[in-house]
Every structure is written in C-alpha cells, then in structure tokens.
Amino acid sequence: MEYSVIIIDDHPLFSRGLTQLIETQKCYKVIGTAKDRMEALSLLNNVTPNLAIVDLNLGQEDGLELIKDLIALQPKTKVLVLSMHDERFYAERALKAGARGYIMKEEAETQVINAIQTVINGEIYLSQKEKKRLLEATKGNGVPTDNFDTINSLSDRQLQIFVLIGRGLGTVDIAAKLNLSIKTIDTHKENIKAKLHCASSGELRQMAIEWTNKAK
C-alpha cells in the first residue's frame, strides 16, 4: 500500500530535502507541499493525505492552531509535527491540539522515518526522553529544572501572545494580528504575568525574548 503525505513548512529547501528522504521509502508519496496556513488549507480542499507533516514555525502564524484547522478539515489525516522548537515546550501542546507525534528537526533521518511509520500505523510518536517527562508529570513527579518550565502553565492563547511579545510585538500589533481587542490582550498579559510571577511588563518582555530564543 502507498501512503500519501503532505509537508507544511515555510522553508522550500527543507521541504524538498524532506520529500527526497520520505520517497526513499517505496510506500510513501509526497503529493503536495505548503508554506503557510492558506496554502495548507487550500491543498487540503483538493487532497486527503494519510499524513500531514507540520512545522510549528510558520513565520508569524501559529502552528498549533493550524493543526486544529487541518484536523477539522480532514479528520482522517494524521498529523506529525517536525519542528525546530524544543519538545519540552511544545510536544504535549501539539498532542492536545490533535497531532499524533512530535519530533525535532535535529533528529537523525532514520528517526524521522521511524516517526512517520509510527504515526501512519496509528500510534503516538515521542522521543524516549519526552515520554519519560510526560509520564513523570502525570505521576506528579515532574520537577521544574528552570524558571522557563512555568511556561507550561500558560494556555495555548497565552503562549501565542507570549511568543509574539518575545518577537518584539506590542499590544496594538498583537491585537491586530490575532483579531482581538486591545483590552483582551491586556487582560491576557496580566494573567500571563501572574502565572509567570513577573512584576512588570518589562520583566515579562525580557522573559519572553529569552524564552523565544531558547525554545527555537
């Protein structure tokens, strides 16, 4: 049986390389690529792939929201996240959004193929390290290793705003980008500050910048 795959990544060169890697396996065929949300949803209006490989870093767009959109449009398509973002901060969120697996781009090619096969077979793929972390968190044994671990307490919307703050956007720009009111963004920022124990907006901004760089 041949399985169809689409790739959603904003770096065409990477997409071409990944396509070549995937098609070394005779049972997989890449039937389309997209570089952003609009192209991805347009593509999925015309094809129903077995697997969508998604990068969370799509410029200024939110990859987690894209996963939800993809599954709503094509419920039978399984989603594997292949991202540069640290799995500690995004793997669990990706699974909650509906993805079936998460692998970082720094992994070996053989592991990428393994992740694809695992998800295609209907199983969840995570690294052994991330599986252990999630298991310990479930048992209540997770011990924060640094101040950034508190980021996991943020909701997806709060994380989205936190990342945009880290990228240098102000309240007005964030409100316009997310199509929300300035008051709503301010409320979210205050809640984020409380969760992360930031005493001021400046402290929040500095933490967001440092974390955004670290999570890349």
N, C-alpha and C. Protein backbone atom coordinates (compact mmCIF):
# COMPACT_ATOMS: atom_id res chain seq x y z
N MET A 1 0.84 -1.21 0.00
CA MET A 1 0.00 0.00 0.00
C MET A 1 0.87 1.25 0.00
N GLU A 2 0.47 2.25 -0.77
CA GLU A 2 1.21 3.52 -0.80
C GLU A 2 0.45 4.56 0.02
N TYR A 3 1.19 5.24 0.90
CA TYR A 3 0.60 6.27 1.75
C TYR A 3 0.95 7.65 1.22
N SER A 4 -0.05 8.53 1.20
CA SER A 4 0.17 9.89 0.70
C SER A 4 0.52 10.84 1.83
N VAL A 5 1.44 11.77 1.54
CA VAL A 5 1.96 12.69 2.56
C VAL A 5 1.97 14.10 2.01
N ILE A 6 1.63 15.08 2.85
CA ILE A 6 1.86 16.48 2.51
C ILE A 6 2.81 17.07 3.55
N ILE A 7 3.55 18.09 3.14
CA ILE A 7 4.52 18.76 4.02
C ILE A 7 4.16 20.23 4.12
N ILE A 8 4.07 20.73 5.35
CA ILE A 8 3.77 22.15 5.58
C ILE A 8 4.94 22.75 6.33
N ASP A 9 5.75 23.52 5.61
CA ASP A 9 6.97 24.10 6.16
C ASP A 9 7.29 25.35 5.35
N ASP A 10 7.71 26.42 6.01
CA ASP A 10 7.93 27.68 5.29
C ASP A 10 9.31 27.79 4.67
N HIS A 11 10.08 26.68 4.68
CA HIS A 11 11.39 26.67 4.02
C HIS A 11 11.35 25.67 2.86
N PRO A 12 11.17 26.15 1.62
CA PRO A 12 11.05 25.26 0.45
C PRO A 12 12.22 24.30 0.31
N LEU A 13 13.43 24.76 0.63
CA LEU A 13 14.60 23.89 0.51
C LEU A 13 14.49 22.70 1.46
N PHE A 14 14.04 22.97 2.67
CA PHE A 14 13.86 21.88 3.64
C PHE A 14 12.78 20.92 3.16
N SER A 15 11.68 21.46 2.64
CA SER A 15 10.59 20.62 2.14
C SER A 15 11.07 19.69 1.03
N ARG A 16 11.91 20.21 0.14
CA ARG A 16 12.43 19.37 -0.95
C ARG A 16 13.32 18.26 -0.40
N GLY A 17 14.16 18.60 0.56
CA GLY A 17 15.02 17.59 1.16
C GLY A 17 14.22 16.52 1.90
N LEU A 18 13.18 16.96 2.62
CA LEU A 18 12.33 16.02 3.34
C LEU A 18 11.56 15.13 2.37
N THR A 19 11.11 15.71 1.26
CA THR A 19 10.42 14.93 0.23
C THR A 19 11.31 13.82 -0.29
N GLN A 20 12.56 14.16 -0.58
CA GLN A 20 13.50 13.16 -1.08
C GLN A 20 13.73 12.05 -0.06
N LEU A 21 13.85 12.44 1.22
CA LEU A 21 14.05 11.45 2.28
C LEU A 21 12.84 10.51 2.37
N ILE A 22 11.64 11.09 2.39
CA ILE A 22 10.43 10.29 2.53
C ILE A 22 10.28 9.32 1.36
N GLU A 23 10.58 9.79 0.16
CA GLU A 23 10.35 8.96 -1.02
C GLU A 23 11.46 7.93 -1.26
N THR A 24 12.45 7.89 -0.37
CA THR A 24 13.38 6.76 -0.41
C THR A 24 12.67 5.50 0.08
N GLN A 25 11.57 5.72 0.79
CA GLN A 25 10.74 4.61 1.25
C GLN A 25 9.63 4.40 0.22
N LYS A 26 9.60 3.23 -0.40
CA LYS A 26 8.71 2.99 -1.54
C LYS A 26 7.22 3.12 -1.20
N CYS A 27 6.88 3.01 0.07
CA CYS A 27 5.45 3.03 0.42
C CYS A 27 4.90 4.43 0.67
N TYR A 28 5.74 5.47 0.53
CA TYR A 28 5.28 6.84 0.77
C TYR A 28 5.42 7.70 -0.48
N LYS A 29 4.44 8.57 -0.68
CA LYS A 29 4.46 9.51 -1.81
C LYS A 29 4.05 10.89 -1.32
N VAL A 30 4.91 11.88 -1.52
CA VAL A 30 4.57 13.26 -1.17
C VAL A 30 3.73 13.85 -2.29
N ILE A 31 2.49 14.22 -1.97
CA ILE A 31 1.56 14.68 -3.00
C ILE A 31 1.34 16.18 -2.98
N GLY A 32 2.03 16.89 -2.08
CA GLY A 32 1.89 18.33 -2.06
C GLY A 32 2.66 18.97 -0.91
N THR A 33 3.00 20.23 -1.09
CA THR A 33 3.67 20.99 -0.03
C THR A 33 2.99 22.35 0.10
N ALA A 34 3.12 22.95 1.28
CA ALA A 34 2.56 24.28 1.52
C ALA A 34 3.50 25.01 2.46
N LYS A 35 3.54 26.33 2.34
CA LYS A 35 4.45 27.10 3.19
C LYS A 35 3.74 27.90 4.27
N ASP A 36 2.39 27.93 4.23
CA ASP A 36 1.66 28.67 5.26
C ASP A 36 0.24 28.12 5.38
N ARG A 37 -0.54 28.70 6.28
CA ARG A 37 -1.88 28.21 6.57
C ARG A 37 -2.78 28.25 5.34
N MET A 38 -2.75 29.36 4.61
CA MET A 38 -3.62 29.50 3.46
C MET A 38 -3.35 28.42 2.42
N GLU A 39 -2.08 28.20 2.12
CA GLU A 39 -1.72 27.18 1.14
C GLU A 39 -2.09 25.79 1.64
N ALA A 40 -1.90 25.56 2.94
CA ALA A 40 -2.20 24.25 3.51
C ALA A 40 -3.68 23.92 3.42
N LEU A 41 -4.52 24.87 3.80
CA LEU A 41 -5.96 24.62 3.76
C LEU A 41 -6.46 24.51 2.33
N SER A 42 -5.88 25.28 1.43
CA SER A 42 -6.23 25.17 0.01
C SER A 42 -5.86 23.78 -0.52
N LEU A 43 -4.69 23.31 -0.15
CA LEU A 43 -4.24 21.99 -0.57
C LEU A 43 -5.18 20.90 -0.06
N LEU A 44 -5.59 21.04 1.20
CA LEU A 44 -6.44 20.02 1.80
C LEU A 44 -7.88 20.06 1.31
N ASN A 45 -8.24 21.08 0.59
CA ASN A 45 -9.54 21.12 -0.07
C ASN A 45 -9.55 20.24 -1.32
N ASN A 46 -8.35 19.85 -1.76
CA ASN A 46 -8.24 19.09 -3.01
C ASN A 46 -7.69 17.69 -2.82
N VAL A 47 -7.03 17.42 -1.70
CA VAL A 47 -6.47 16.10 -1.46
C VAL A 47 -6.78 15.65 -0.03
N THR A 48 -6.75 14.35 0.19
CA THR A 48 -6.94 13.78 1.52
C THR A 48 -5.75 12.88 1.82
N PRO A 49 -4.67 13.45 2.30
CA PRO A 49 -3.46 12.65 2.56
C PRO A 49 -3.61 11.77 3.80
N ASN A 50 -2.83 10.72 3.84
CA ASN A 50 -2.79 9.89 5.03
C ASN A 50 -2.08 10.60 6.17
N LEU A 51 -1.08 11.44 5.78
CA LEU A 51 -0.25 12.10 6.80
C LEU A 51 0.08 13.52 6.39
N ALA A 52 0.00 14.43 7.36
CA ALA A 52 0.48 15.81 7.17
C ALA A 52 1.64 16.03 8.13
N ILE A 53 2.79 16.41 7.58
CA ILE A 53 3.95 16.74 8.41
C ILE A 53 4.01 18.25 8.54
N VAL A 54 3.95 18.75 9.77
CA VAL A 54 3.76 20.18 10.01
C VAL A 54 4.89 20.75 10.86
N ASP A 55 5.42 21.88 10.41
CA ASP A 55 6.37 22.64 11.23
C ASP A 55 5.58 23.68 12.02
N LEU A 56 5.87 23.84 13.28
CA LEU A 56 5.15 24.83 14.09
C LEU A 56 5.59 26.25 13.79
N ASN A 57 6.79 26.41 13.24
CA ASN A 57 7.34 27.73 12.97
C ASN A 57 7.03 28.13 11.53
N LEU A 58 5.88 28.80 11.34
CA LEU A 58 5.46 29.22 10.00
C LEU A 58 5.41 30.74 9.95
N GLY A 59 6.57 31.35 10.11
CA GLY A 59 6.62 32.81 10.14
C GLY A 59 5.91 33.33 11.37
N GLN A 60 4.93 34.21 11.15
CA GLN A 60 4.17 34.78 12.26
C GLN A 60 2.91 33.98 12.57
N GLU A 61 2.68 32.87 11.86
CA GLU A 61 1.46 32.09 12.05
C GLU A 61 1.64 31.07 13.17
N ASP A 62 0.52 30.66 13.75
CA ASP A 62 0.54 29.75 14.88
C ASP A 62 0.33 28.32 14.40
N GLY A 63 1.38 27.50 14.51
CA GLY A 63 1.30 26.12 14.05
C GLY A 63 0.32 25.27 14.83
N LEU A 64 0.15 25.55 16.12
CA LEU A 64 -0.80 24.78 16.93
C LEU A 64 -2.23 24.99 16.43
N GLU A 65 -2.57 26.22 16.09
CA GLU A 65 -3.91 26.50 15.56
C GLU A 65 -4.08 25.85 14.20
N LEU A 66 -3.01 25.80 13.41
CA LEU A 66 -3.08 25.17 12.09
C LEU A 66 -3.39 23.68 12.23
N ILE A 67 -2.79 23.02 13.22
CA ILE A 67 -3.07 21.60 13.45
C ILE A 67 -4.56 21.39 13.68
N LYS A 68 -5.16 22.23 14.50
CA LYS A 68 -6.60 22.12 14.78
C LYS A 68 -7.41 22.33 13.50
N ASP A 69 -7.00 23.29 12.68
CA ASP A 69 -7.70 23.56 11.41
C ASP A 69 -7.60 22.36 10.47
N LEU A 70 -6.40 21.78 10.39
CA LEU A 70 -6.19 20.64 9.49
C LEU A 70 -7.08 19.47 9.87
N ILE A 71 -7.15 19.18 11.15
CA ILE A 71 -7.93 18.03 11.61
C ILE A 71 -9.43 18.28 11.43
N ALA A 72 -9.84 19.53 11.63
CA ALA A 72 -11.25 19.86 11.41
C ALA A 72 -11.63 19.68 9.95
N LEU A 73 -10.71 20.02 9.04
CA LEU A 73 -10.97 19.92 7.60
C LEU A 73 -10.84 18.49 7.09
N GLN A 74 -9.82 17.78 7.60
CA GLN A 74 -9.56 16.40 7.15
C GLN A 74 -9.35 15.50 8.37
N PRO A 75 -10.42 15.07 9.02
CA PRO A 75 -10.30 14.29 10.27
C PRO A 75 -9.52 12.99 10.13
N LYS A 76 -9.48 12.42 8.93
CA LYS A 76 -8.80 11.14 8.74
C LYS A 76 -7.29 11.30 8.53
N THR A 77 -6.85 12.52 8.31
CA THR A 77 -5.42 12.77 8.10
C THR A 77 -4.69 12.84 9.44
N LYS A 78 -3.67 12.02 9.59
CA LYS A 78 -2.86 12.05 10.81
C LYS A 78 -1.81 13.16 10.69
N VAL A 79 -1.47 13.77 11.81
CA VAL A 79 -0.53 14.88 11.82
C VAL A 79 0.71 14.54 12.63
N LEU A 80 1.86 14.75 12.02
CA LEU A 80 3.15 14.62 12.70
C LEU A 80 3.84 15.98 12.69
N VAL A 81 4.22 16.47 13.86
CA VAL A 81 4.95 17.73 13.94
C VAL A 81 6.44 17.45 13.82
N LEU A 82 7.08 18.15 12.89
CA LEU A 82 8.53 18.09 12.71
C LEU A 82 9.04 19.51 12.86
N SER A 83 9.64 19.83 13.99
CA SER A 83 9.89 21.24 14.32
C SER A 83 11.25 21.46 14.95
N MET A 84 11.73 22.69 14.82
CA MET A 84 12.96 23.10 15.48
C MET A 84 12.71 23.43 16.95
N HIS A 85 11.45 23.63 17.34
CA HIS A 85 11.13 24.01 18.71
C HIS A 85 11.38 22.86 19.68
N ASP A 86 11.89 23.19 20.84
CA ASP A 86 12.21 22.21 21.87
C ASP A 86 10.95 21.44 22.25
N GLU A 87 11.05 20.11 22.23
CA GLU A 87 9.90 19.27 22.54
C GLU A 87 9.36 19.48 23.95
N ARG A 88 10.22 19.89 24.87
CA ARG A 88 9.78 20.13 26.25
C ARG A 88 8.65 21.13 26.32
N PHE A 89 8.68 22.09 25.42
CA PHE A 89 7.72 23.19 25.48
C PHE A 89 6.52 23.00 24.55
N TYR A 90 6.66 22.15 23.53
CA TYR A 90 5.60 22.08 22.52
C TYR A 90 5.00 20.70 22.26
N ALA A 91 5.68 19.62 22.61
CA ALA A 91 5.18 18.29 22.26
C ALA A 91 3.80 18.01 22.86
N GLU A 92 3.66 18.26 24.15
CA GLU A 92 2.39 17.99 24.81
C GLU A 92 1.28 18.86 24.23
N ARG A 93 1.58 20.12 23.93
CA ARG A 93 0.57 21.01 23.34
C ARG A 93 0.17 20.52 21.95
N ALA A 94 1.14 20.04 21.19
CA ALA A 94 0.85 19.55 19.84
C ALA A 94 -0.09 18.35 19.91
N LEU A 95 0.16 17.44 20.85
CA LEU A 95 -0.71 16.27 21.01
C LEU A 95 -2.12 16.69 21.42
N LYS A 96 -2.21 17.65 22.31
CA LYS A 96 -3.52 18.14 22.74
C LYS A 96 -4.27 18.82 21.59
N ALA A 97 -3.51 19.41 20.67
CA ALA A 97 -4.13 20.06 19.51
C ALA A 97 -4.62 19.03 18.49
N GLY A 98 -4.14 17.78 18.62
CA GLY A 98 -4.60 16.72 17.73
C GLY A 98 -3.52 16.00 16.95
N ALA A 99 -2.27 16.44 17.09
CA ALA A 99 -1.18 15.75 16.41
C ALA A 99 -0.99 14.36 17.01
N ARG A 100 -0.40 13.47 16.21
CA ARG A 100 -0.17 12.10 16.66
C ARG A 100 1.30 11.84 16.99
N GLY A 101 2.12 12.86 16.76
CA GLY A 101 3.53 12.69 17.06
C GLY A 101 4.28 14.00 16.99
N TYR A 102 5.46 14.01 17.62
CA TYR A 102 6.31 15.21 17.64
C TYR A 102 7.76 14.77 17.57
N ILE A 103 8.50 15.32 16.62
CA ILE A 103 9.92 15.03 16.50
C ILE A 103 10.65 16.31 16.14
N MET A 104 11.84 16.49 16.71
CA MET A 104 12.60 17.70 16.44
C MET A 104 13.46 17.53 15.18
N LYS A 105 13.71 18.62 14.48
CA LYS A 105 14.45 18.58 13.23
C LYS A 105 15.90 18.14 13.41
N GLU A 106 16.39 18.22 14.61
CA GLU A 106 17.79 17.84 14.84
C GLU A 106 17.97 16.33 14.89
N GLU A 107 16.88 15.58 14.91
CA GLU A 107 16.98 14.12 14.98
C GLU A 107 17.52 13.54 13.68
N ALA A 108 18.06 12.33 13.77
CA ALA A 108 18.62 11.66 12.59
C ALA A 108 17.52 11.28 11.61
N GLU A 109 17.91 11.14 10.34
CA GLU A 109 16.95 10.80 9.29
C GLU A 109 16.21 9.50 9.59
N THR A 110 16.92 8.55 10.14
CA THR A 110 16.28 7.26 10.45
C THR A 110 15.18 7.43 11.49
N GLN A 111 15.37 8.36 12.42
CA GLN A 111 14.35 8.60 13.43
C GLN A 111 13.13 9.30 12.83
N VAL A 112 13.37 10.17 11.86
CA VAL A 112 12.26 10.83 11.17
C VAL A 112 11.39 9.79 10.47
N ILE A 113 12.03 8.86 9.75
CA ILE A 113 11.29 7.79 9.08
C ILE A 113 10.55 6.93 10.09
N ASN A 114 11.20 6.65 11.22
CA ASN A 114 10.57 5.88 12.28
C ASN A 114 9.33 6.59 12.82
N ALA A 115 9.44 7.91 13.00
CA ALA A 115 8.31 8.69 13.49
C ALA A 115 7.15 8.64 12.50
N ILE A 116 7.46 8.77 11.21
CA ILE A 116 6.43 8.71 10.18
C ILE A 116 5.72 7.36 10.19
N GLN A 117 6.50 6.29 10.25
CA GLN A 117 5.93 4.94 10.26
C GLN A 117 5.06 4.71 11.49
N THR A 118 5.53 5.22 12.64
CA THR A 118 4.78 5.06 13.89
C THR A 118 3.42 5.72 13.80
N VAL A 119 3.40 6.97 13.32
CA VAL A 119 2.14 7.71 13.22
C VAL A 119 1.22 7.11 12.17
N ILE A 120 1.78 6.73 11.03
CA ILE A 120 0.98 6.08 9.98
C ILE A 120 0.31 4.82 10.53
N ASN A 121 1.00 4.11 11.41
CA ASN A 121 0.47 2.87 11.97
C ASN A 121 -0.56 3.11 13.07
N GLY A 122 -0.85 4.38 13.33
CA GLY A 122 -1.88 4.69 14.31
C GLY A 122 -1.40 4.84 15.73
N GLU A 123 -0.08 4.87 15.92
CA GLU A 123 0.49 5.01 17.26
C GLU A 123 1.00 6.44 17.48
N ILE A 124 1.28 6.75 18.74
CA ILE A 124 1.82 8.07 19.09
C ILE A 124 3.34 8.01 19.06
N TYR A 125 3.97 9.01 18.43
CA TYR A 125 5.43 9.06 18.43
C TYR A 125 5.93 10.23 19.27
N LEU A 126 6.79 9.92 20.24
CA LEU A 126 7.54 10.92 21.01
C LEU A 126 8.91 10.31 21.29
N SER A 127 9.89 11.16 21.52
CA SER A 127 11.20 10.65 21.90
C SER A 127 11.09 9.97 23.26
N GLN A 128 12.03 9.08 23.57
CA GLN A 128 12.02 8.41 24.86
C GLN A 128 12.14 9.42 26.01
N LYS A 129 12.92 10.45 25.79
CA LYS A 129 13.10 11.48 26.81
C LYS A 129 11.80 12.20 27.11
N GLU A 130 11.04 12.53 26.05
CA GLU A 130 9.78 13.24 26.23
C GLU A 130 8.71 12.33 26.83
N LYS A 131 8.70 11.07 26.43
CA LYS A 131 7.77 10.11 27.03
C LYS A 131 7.99 10.02 28.53
N LYS A 132 9.25 9.97 28.93
CA LYS A 132 9.58 9.89 30.35
C LYS A 132 9.15 11.15 31.09
N ARG A 133 9.38 12.30 30.46
CA ARG A 133 9.00 13.57 31.10
C ARG A 133 7.50 13.64 31.31
N LEU A 134 6.73 13.26 30.30
CA LEU A 134 5.27 13.30 30.41
C LEU A 134 4.75 12.30 31.43
N LEU A 135 5.39 11.14 31.49
CA LEU A 135 4.99 10.14 32.47
C LEU A 135 5.23 10.64 33.88
N GLU A 136 6.38 11.26 34.11
CA GLU A 136 6.68 11.79 35.43
C GLU A 136 5.74 12.93 35.80
N ALA A 137 5.38 13.75 34.79
CA ALA A 137 4.44 14.84 35.05
C ALA A 137 3.07 14.29 35.42
N THR A 138 2.66 13.20 34.76
CA THR A 138 1.36 12.57 35.04
C THR A 138 1.32 12.02 36.46
N LYS A 139 2.46 11.50 36.90
CA LYS A 139 2.55 10.94 38.25
C LYS A 139 2.77 12.01 39.32
N GLY A 140 2.97 13.24 38.85
CA GLY A 140 3.22 14.32 39.80
C GLY A 140 4.65 14.39 40.26
N ASN A 141 5.55 13.72 39.50
CA ASN A 141 6.95 13.69 39.91
C ASN A 141 7.81 14.69 39.13
N GLY A 142 7.17 15.44 38.26
CA GLY A 142 7.95 16.38 37.47
C GLY A 142 8.54 17.47 38.32
N VAL A 143 9.82 17.68 38.21
CA VAL A 143 10.50 18.71 38.99
C VAL A 143 10.99 19.79 38.05
N PRO A 144 10.53 21.04 38.20
CA PRO A 144 10.99 22.09 37.30
C PRO A 144 12.50 22.19 37.31
N THR A 145 13.09 22.28 36.11
CA THR A 145 14.55 22.37 36.01
C THR A 145 15.02 23.81 35.89
N ASP A 146 14.13 24.71 35.47
CA ASP A 146 14.49 26.12 35.41
C ASP A 146 13.21 26.95 35.40
N ASN A 147 13.39 28.28 35.44
CA ASN A 147 12.23 29.17 35.52
C ASN A 147 11.32 29.05 34.31
N PHE A 148 11.87 28.61 33.18
CA PHE A 148 11.08 28.54 31.97
C PHE A 148 10.05 27.40 32.00
N ASP A 149 10.22 26.44 32.90
CA ASP A 149 9.26 25.34 32.97
C ASP A 149 7.86 25.82 33.35
N THR A 150 7.75 26.99 33.95
CA THR A 150 6.44 27.53 34.30
C THR A 150 5.65 27.93 33.06
N ILE A 151 6.32 28.01 31.92
CA ILE A 151 5.63 28.34 30.66
C ILE A 151 4.55 27.32 30.37
N ASN A 152 4.73 26.09 30.84
CA ASN A 152 3.75 25.04 30.58
C ASN A 152 2.40 25.33 31.23
N SER A 153 2.37 26.28 32.16
CA SER A 153 1.11 26.62 32.82
C SER A 153 0.24 27.54 31.95
N LEU A 154 0.82 28.09 30.88
CA LEU A 154 0.07 29.00 30.01
C LEU A 154 -0.87 28.23 29.10
N SER A 155 -2.02 28.84 28.82
CA SER A 155 -2.93 28.27 27.83
C SER A 155 -2.33 28.47 26.44
N ASP A 156 -2.88 27.81 25.42
CA ASP A 156 -2.36 27.98 24.07
C ASP A 156 -2.43 29.44 23.62
N ARG A 157 -3.52 30.12 23.92
CA ARG A 157 -3.66 31.53 23.54
C ARG A 157 -2.64 32.38 24.28
N GLN A 158 -2.45 32.12 25.57
CA GLN A 158 -1.46 32.87 26.33
C GLN A 158 -0.05 32.63 25.80
N LEU A 159 0.24 31.38 25.44
CA LEU A 159 1.56 31.08 24.87
C LEU A 159 1.73 31.80 23.54
N GLN A 160 0.68 31.84 22.74
CA GLN A 160 0.73 32.55 21.45
C GLN A 160 1.08 34.01 21.67
N ILE A 161 0.45 34.65 22.63
CA ILE A 161 0.72 36.06 22.93
C ILE A 161 2.12 36.23 23.50
N PHE A 162 2.52 35.32 24.38
CA PHE A 162 3.85 35.36 24.99
C PHE A 162 4.93 35.29 23.91
N VAL A 163 4.76 34.41 22.93
CA VAL A 163 5.72 34.28 21.84
C VAL A 163 5.78 35.56 21.01
N LEU A 164 4.63 36.15 20.74
CA LEU A 164 4.60 37.40 19.96
C LEU A 164 5.28 38.54 20.72
N ILE A 165 5.12 38.56 22.03
CA ILE A 165 5.83 39.54 22.85
C ILE A 165 7.34 39.32 22.69
N GLY A 166 7.74 38.06 22.71
CA GLY A 166 9.15 37.73 22.57
C GLY A 166 9.71 38.09 21.21
N ARG A 167 8.85 38.19 20.21
CA ARG A 167 9.27 38.57 18.86
C ARG A 167 9.25 40.09 18.67
N GLY A 168 8.92 40.81 19.74
CA GLY A 168 9.00 42.26 19.68
C GLY A 168 7.71 42.99 19.38
N LEU A 169 6.59 42.29 19.31
CA LEU A 169 5.33 42.95 19.01
C LEU A 169 4.74 43.60 20.25
N GLY A 170 4.15 44.77 20.07
CA GLY A 170 3.47 45.45 21.16
C GLY A 170 2.01 45.05 21.23
N THR A 171 1.31 45.58 22.22
CA THR A 171 -0.10 45.22 22.44
C THR A 171 -0.97 45.49 21.23
N VAL A 172 -0.82 46.66 20.63
CA VAL A 172 -1.64 47.03 19.48
C VAL A 172 -1.40 46.08 18.31
N ASP A 173 -0.13 45.77 18.05
CA ASP A 173 0.21 44.86 16.96
C ASP A 173 -0.33 43.46 17.21
N ILE A 174 -0.23 42.98 18.44
CA ILE A 174 -0.73 41.65 18.78
C ILE A 174 -2.24 41.59 18.61
N ALA A 175 -2.92 42.63 19.08
CA ALA A 175 -4.38 42.68 18.95
C ALA A 175 -4.80 42.62 17.49
N ALA A 176 -4.12 43.38 16.65
CA ALA A 176 -4.45 43.40 15.22
C ALA A 176 -4.17 42.04 14.58
N LYS A 177 -3.06 41.44 14.94
CA LYS A 177 -2.66 40.16 14.34
C LYS A 177 -3.62 39.05 14.71
N LEU A 178 -4.08 39.04 15.96
CA LEU A 178 -4.96 37.97 16.44
C LEU A 178 -6.43 38.33 16.31
N ASN A 179 -6.70 39.51 15.79
CA ASN A 179 -8.09 39.97 15.62
C ASN A 179 -8.83 39.98 16.95
N LEU A 180 -8.15 40.51 17.98
CA LEU A 180 -8.72 40.64 19.31
C LEU A 180 -8.64 42.10 19.74
N SER A 181 -9.40 42.46 20.75
CA SER A 181 -9.36 43.84 21.23
C SER A 181 -8.10 44.07 22.06
N ILE A 182 -7.70 45.34 22.14
CA ILE A 182 -6.54 45.70 22.95
C ILE A 182 -6.80 45.33 24.42
N LYS A 183 -8.03 45.54 24.85
CA LYS A 183 -8.38 45.21 26.24
C LYS A 183 -8.20 43.72 26.51
N THR A 184 -8.58 42.89 25.53
CA THR A 184 -8.43 41.44 25.70
C THR A 184 -6.96 41.06 25.81
N ILE A 185 -6.12 41.67 24.96
CA ILE A 185 -4.69 41.39 25.02
C ILE A 185 -4.10 41.83 26.35
N ASP A 186 -4.51 43.00 26.82
CA ASP A 186 -4.03 43.48 28.11
C ASP A 186 -4.41 42.53 29.24
N THR A 187 -5.64 42.01 29.18
CA THR A 187 -6.10 41.05 30.20
C THR A 187 -5.25 39.79 30.16
N HIS A 188 -5.01 39.28 28.95
CA HIS A 188 -4.16 38.10 28.81
C HIS A 188 -2.75 38.36 29.36
N LYS A 189 -2.21 39.53 29.06
CA LYS A 189 -0.86 39.86 29.53
C LYS A 189 -0.80 39.90 31.05
N GLU A 190 -1.82 40.42 31.68
CA GLU A 190 -1.84 40.46 33.14
C GLU A 190 -1.91 39.05 33.72
N ASN A 191 -2.71 38.18 33.07
CA ASN A 191 -2.80 36.80 33.54
C ASN A 191 -1.49 36.05 33.33
N ILE A 192 -0.81 36.36 32.22
CA ILE A 192 0.49 35.74 31.95
C ILE A 192 1.50 36.18 33.00
N LYS A 193 1.51 37.48 33.30
CA LYS A 193 2.43 38.00 34.31
C LYS A 193 2.20 37.30 35.66
N ALA A 194 0.93 37.08 36.00
CA ALA A 194 0.63 36.43 37.28
C ALA A 194 1.13 34.99 37.29
N LYS A 195 0.90 34.27 36.20
CA LYS A 195 1.32 32.87 36.13
C LYS A 195 2.84 32.72 36.15
N LEU A 196 3.52 33.68 35.52
CA LEU A 196 4.98 33.58 35.41
C LEU A 196 5.70 34.38 36.49
N HIS A 197 4.91 34.98 37.40
CA HIS A 197 5.46 35.73 38.53
C HIS A 197 6.36 36.88 38.07
N CYS A 198 5.90 37.59 37.03
CA CYS A 198 6.62 38.76 36.53
C CYS A 198 6.06 40.01 37.20
N ALA A 199 6.92 40.83 37.74
CA ALA A 199 6.48 42.00 38.48
C ALA A 199 6.09 43.17 37.58
N SER A 200 6.56 43.15 36.33
CA SER A 200 6.29 44.28 35.45
C SER A 200 6.21 43.81 34.00
N SER A 201 5.71 44.69 33.13
CA SER A 201 5.64 44.37 31.71
C SER A 201 7.04 44.22 31.13
N GLY A 202 7.99 45.02 31.64
CA GLY A 202 9.37 44.92 31.17
C GLY A 202 9.98 43.57 31.50
N GLU A 203 9.69 43.08 32.70
CA GLU A 203 10.20 41.77 33.11
C GLU A 203 9.58 40.67 32.25
N LEU A 204 8.28 40.81 31.96
CA LEU A 204 7.60 39.84 31.10
C LEU A 204 8.20 39.85 29.70
N ARG A 205 8.44 41.03 29.17
CA ARG A 205 9.02 41.15 27.82
C ARG A 205 10.40 40.51 27.75
N GLN A 206 11.23 40.75 28.77
CA GLN A 206 12.57 40.18 28.79
C GLN A 206 12.52 38.65 28.87
N MET A 207 11.62 38.14 29.70
CA MET A 207 11.47 36.69 29.83
C MET A 207 10.98 36.09 28.51
N ALA A 208 10.06 36.79 27.85
CA ALA A 208 9.52 36.30 26.57
C ALA A 208 10.61 36.25 25.51
N ILE A 209 11.45 37.26 25.46
CA ILE A 209 12.55 37.30 24.49
C ILE A 209 13.52 36.15 24.74
N GLU A 210 13.89 35.96 25.99
CA GLU A 210 14.85 34.89 26.34
C GLU A 210 14.26 33.52 26.05
N TRP A 211 12.98 33.35 26.40
CA TRP A 211 12.35 32.03 26.18
C TRP A 211 12.16 31.74 24.70
N THR A 212 11.75 32.75 23.93
CA THR A 212 11.54 32.56 22.49
C THR A 212 12.84 32.13 21.82
N ASN A 213 13.95 32.72 22.25
CA ASN A 213 15.24 32.33 21.70
C ASN A 213 15.63 30.91 22.14
N LYS A 214 15.31 30.58 23.38
CA LYS A 214 15.67 29.27 23.92
C LYS A 214 14.85 28.16 23.30
N ALA A 215 13.58 28.42 23.01
CA ALA A 215 12.67 27.38 22.51
C ALA A 215 12.84 27.12 21.02
N LYS A 216 13.66 27.92 20.34
CA LYS A 216 13.85 27.72 18.90
C LYS A 216 14.55 26.39 18.62
